[in-house]
């Protein structure tokens, strides 16, 4: 038996610790790297109409979901 299989060999405690460390590493990496920039003020948006953009997005996504509903029914 190798040293690695003696330490990590499918026992409850080592497997649980390894899973916990893996999940913590992934969660911390996502927490650190997943950051969105702040929305610029209205003066710095260069004429962007966020209300119109939101309405357009709702329209486009609504058409997509209607298409999916037609395919599944």
N, C-alpha and C. Protein backbone atom coordinates (compact mmCIF):
# COMPACT_ATOMS: atom_id res chain seq x y z
N UNK A 1 0.83 -1.17 0.00
CA UNK A 1 0.00 0.00 0.00
C UNK A 1 0.88 1.25 0.00
N UNK A 2 0.52 2.21 -0.82
CA UNK A 2 1.31 3.43 -0.88
C UNK A 2 0.91 4.38 0.24
N UNK A 3 1.75 5.39 0.45
CA UNK A 3 1.49 6.36 1.51
C UNK A 3 0.22 7.15 1.23
N UNK A 4 -0.02 7.50 -0.04
CA UNK A 4 -1.22 8.25 -0.40
C UNK A 4 -2.49 7.46 -0.10
N UNK A 5 -2.50 6.18 -0.43
CA UNK A 5 -3.69 5.38 -0.17
C UNK A 5 -3.88 5.13 1.32
N UNK A 6 -2.80 5.15 2.10
CA UNK A 6 -2.93 5.01 3.55
C UNK A 6 -3.57 6.25 4.15
N UNK A 7 -3.23 7.43 3.61
CA UNK A 7 -3.74 8.68 4.16
C UNK A 7 -5.16 8.95 3.68
N UNK A 8 -5.41 8.82 2.38
CA UNK A 8 -6.70 9.18 1.80
C UNK A 8 -7.59 7.99 1.47
N UNK A 9 -7.28 6.83 1.95
CA UNK A 9 -7.91 5.60 1.51
C UNK A 9 -9.37 5.41 1.84
N UNK A 10 -10.26 6.18 1.29
CA UNK A 10 -11.72 6.00 1.36
C UNK A 10 -12.24 5.80 2.78
N UNK A 11 -11.65 6.50 3.71
CA UNK A 11 -12.19 6.51 5.06
C UNK A 11 -13.00 7.78 5.22
N UNK A 12 -13.87 7.83 6.20
CA UNK A 12 -14.82 8.92 6.34
C UNK A 12 -14.13 10.25 6.61
N UNK A 13 -13.29 10.33 7.59
CA UNK A 13 -12.69 11.60 7.98
C UNK A 13 -11.77 12.19 6.91
N UNK A 14 -10.82 11.45 6.35
CA UNK A 14 -9.98 12.05 5.31
C UNK A 14 -10.76 12.47 4.06
N UNK A 15 -11.75 11.68 3.68
CA UNK A 15 -12.56 12.02 2.51
C UNK A 15 -13.39 13.26 2.77
N UNK A 16 -13.94 13.38 3.96
CA UNK A 16 -14.73 14.57 4.32
C UNK A 16 -13.86 15.82 4.35
N UNK A 17 -12.67 15.71 4.90
CA UNK A 17 -11.76 16.85 4.95
C UNK A 17 -11.34 17.26 3.55
N UNK A 18 -11.03 16.30 2.70
CA UNK A 18 -10.64 16.61 1.33
C UNK A 18 -11.79 17.29 0.58
N UNK A 19 -13.01 16.81 0.76
CA UNK A 19 -14.17 17.43 0.11
C UNK A 19 -14.38 18.84 0.63
N UNK A 20 -14.25 19.04 1.93
CA UNK A 20 -14.43 20.36 2.53
C UNK A 20 -13.38 21.34 2.02
N UNK A 21 -12.14 20.92 1.96
CA UNK A 21 -11.07 21.79 1.47
C UNK A 21 -11.30 22.14 0.00
N UNK A 22 -11.75 21.17 -0.79
CA UNK A 22 -12.01 21.42 -2.20
C UNK A 22 -13.14 22.42 -2.38
N UNK A 23 -14.25 22.24 -1.68
CA UNK A 23 -15.37 23.17 -1.78
C UNK A 23 -15.00 24.55 -1.28
N UNK A 24 -14.25 24.63 -0.19
CA UNK A 24 -13.81 25.93 0.31
C UNK A 24 -12.92 26.64 -0.69
N UNK A 25 -12.01 25.91 -1.32
CA UNK A 25 -11.13 26.52 -2.31
C UNK A 25 -11.92 27.06 -3.49
N UNK A 26 -12.89 26.30 -3.98
CA UNK A 26 -13.72 26.76 -5.09
C UNK A 26 -14.57 27.96 -4.69
N UNK A 27 -15.17 27.93 -3.51
CA UNK A 27 -16.02 29.03 -3.05
C UNK A 27 -15.20 30.30 -2.87
N UNK A 28 -14.04 30.19 -2.27
CA UNK A 28 -13.20 31.38 -2.05
C UNK A 28 -12.71 31.94 -3.39
N UNK A 29 -12.35 31.05 -4.32
CA UNK A 29 -11.90 31.52 -5.63
C UNK A 29 -13.01 32.27 -6.35
N UNK A 30 -14.23 31.76 -6.29
CA UNK A 30 -15.36 32.44 -6.91
C UNK A 30 -15.69 33.75 -6.20
N UNK A 31 -15.59 33.75 -4.90
CA UNK A 31 -15.89 34.95 -4.13
C UNK A 31 -14.91 36.07 -4.45
N UNK A 32 -13.66 35.73 -4.63
CA UNK A 32 -12.62 36.72 -4.89
C UNK A 32 -12.69 37.23 -6.33
N UNK A 33 -12.94 36.35 -7.28
CA UNK A 33 -12.85 36.75 -8.69
C UNK A 33 -14.17 37.20 -9.30
N UNK A 34 -15.29 36.94 -8.66
CA UNK A 34 -16.59 37.27 -9.24
C UNK A 34 -17.04 38.64 -8.75
N UNK A 35 -16.53 39.69 -9.37
CA UNK A 35 -16.89 41.05 -8.97
C UNK A 35 -17.33 41.82 -10.21
N UNK A 36 -18.42 42.54 -10.07
CA UNK A 36 -18.93 43.36 -11.16
C UNK A 36 -18.56 44.81 -10.91
N UNK A 37 -18.26 45.55 -11.96
CA UNK A 37 -17.97 46.97 -11.77
C UNK A 37 -19.25 47.72 -11.41
N UNK A 38 -19.08 48.87 -10.77
CA UNK A 38 -20.23 49.70 -10.42
C UNK A 38 -20.85 50.29 -11.68
N UNK A 39 -22.14 50.54 -11.61
CA UNK A 39 -22.85 51.17 -12.72
C UNK A 39 -22.43 52.64 -12.76
N UNK A 40 -22.06 53.14 -13.94
CA UNK A 40 -21.66 54.55 -14.02
C UNK A 40 -22.84 55.47 -13.76
N UNK A 41 -22.53 56.67 -13.31
CA UNK A 41 -23.60 57.64 -13.06
C UNK A 41 -24.27 58.02 -14.38
N UNK A 42 -25.43 58.65 -14.28
CA UNK A 42 -26.19 59.02 -15.48
C UNK A 42 -25.42 59.98 -16.37
N UNK A 43 -24.56 60.79 -15.78
CA UNK A 43 -23.78 61.74 -16.58
C UNK A 43 -22.71 61.06 -17.42
N UNK A 44 -22.24 59.89 -16.98
CA UNK A 44 -21.16 59.20 -17.67
C UNK A 44 -21.64 58.06 -18.57
N UNK A 45 -22.93 57.95 -18.79
CA UNK A 45 -23.46 56.86 -19.60
C UNK A 45 -23.51 57.18 -21.08
N UNK A 46 -23.15 58.34 -21.48
CA UNK A 46 -23.09 58.74 -22.90
C UNK A 46 -24.38 58.45 -23.65
N UNK A 47 -25.51 58.86 -23.08
CA UNK A 47 -26.78 58.72 -23.78
C UNK A 47 -27.42 57.36 -23.70
N UNK A 48 -26.89 56.46 -22.89
CA UNK A 48 -27.48 55.13 -22.75
C UNK A 48 -28.79 55.24 -21.98
N UNK A 49 -29.84 54.69 -22.54
CA UNK A 49 -31.14 54.69 -21.89
C UNK A 49 -31.34 53.32 -21.25
N UNK A 50 -31.07 53.22 -19.96
CA UNK A 50 -31.13 51.92 -19.30
C UNK A 50 -32.55 51.37 -19.24
N UNK A 51 -33.55 52.21 -19.16
CA UNK A 51 -34.95 51.74 -19.18
C UNK A 51 -35.27 51.08 -20.52
N UNK A 52 -34.85 51.72 -21.61
CA UNK A 52 -35.09 51.13 -22.94
C UNK A 52 -34.30 49.85 -23.11
N UNK A 53 -33.07 49.82 -22.61
CA UNK A 53 -32.25 48.60 -22.71
C UNK A 53 -32.89 47.46 -21.93
N UNK A 54 -33.43 47.76 -20.74
CA UNK A 54 -34.09 46.74 -19.94
C UNK A 54 -35.36 46.23 -20.63
N UNK A 55 -36.12 47.13 -21.19
CA UNK A 55 -37.33 46.72 -21.92
C UNK A 55 -36.98 45.86 -23.13
N UNK A 56 -35.91 46.22 -23.84
CA UNK A 56 -35.47 45.41 -24.97
C UNK A 56 -35.04 44.02 -24.52
N UNK A 57 -34.32 43.96 -23.40
CA UNK A 57 -33.87 42.67 -22.88
C UNK A 57 -35.05 41.80 -22.48
N UNK A 58 -36.05 42.39 -21.84
CA UNK A 58 -37.25 41.64 -21.47
C UNK A 58 -37.98 41.14 -22.72
N UNK A 59 -38.04 41.97 -23.74
CA UNK A 59 -38.70 41.58 -24.98
C UNK A 59 -37.98 40.41 -25.65
N UNK A 60 -36.67 40.51 -25.75
CA UNK A 60 -35.88 39.46 -26.40
C UNK A 60 -35.96 38.16 -25.61
N UNK A 61 -35.82 38.24 -24.29
CA UNK A 61 -35.85 37.02 -23.50
C UNK A 61 -37.25 36.42 -23.46
N UNK A 62 -38.27 37.24 -23.52
CA UNK A 62 -39.64 36.73 -23.55
C UNK A 62 -39.92 35.96 -24.83
N UNK A 63 -39.42 36.45 -25.94
CA UNK A 63 -39.61 35.76 -27.22
C UNK A 63 -38.89 34.42 -27.17
N UNK A 64 -37.71 34.39 -26.56
CA UNK A 64 -36.97 33.14 -26.46
C UNK A 64 -37.75 32.11 -25.64
N UNK A 65 -38.31 32.52 -24.50
CA UNK A 65 -39.04 31.57 -23.66
C UNK A 65 -40.33 31.11 -24.33
N UNK A 66 -40.97 31.98 -25.08
CA UNK A 66 -42.15 31.55 -25.82
C UNK A 66 -41.78 30.50 -26.86
N UNK A 67 -40.61 30.68 -27.49
CA UNK A 67 -40.13 29.71 -28.47
C UNK A 67 -39.88 28.36 -27.80
N UNK A 68 -39.26 28.36 -26.62
CA UNK A 68 -38.99 27.12 -25.89
C UNK A 68 -40.30 26.45 -25.47
N UNK A 69 -41.27 27.25 -25.02
CA UNK A 69 -42.57 26.68 -24.61
C UNK A 69 -43.26 26.02 -25.79
N UNK A 70 -43.14 26.61 -26.97
CA UNK A 70 -43.76 26.00 -28.15
C UNK A 70 -43.09 24.68 -28.52
N UNK A 71 -41.77 24.63 -28.34
CA UNK A 71 -41.07 23.39 -28.66
C UNK A 71 -41.42 22.27 -27.71
N UNK A 72 -41.65 22.58 -26.44
CA UNK A 72 -41.90 21.54 -25.46
C UNK A 72 -43.36 21.12 -25.39
N UNK A 73 -44.27 21.89 -25.97
CA UNK A 73 -45.68 21.51 -25.88
C UNK A 73 -46.13 20.74 -27.11
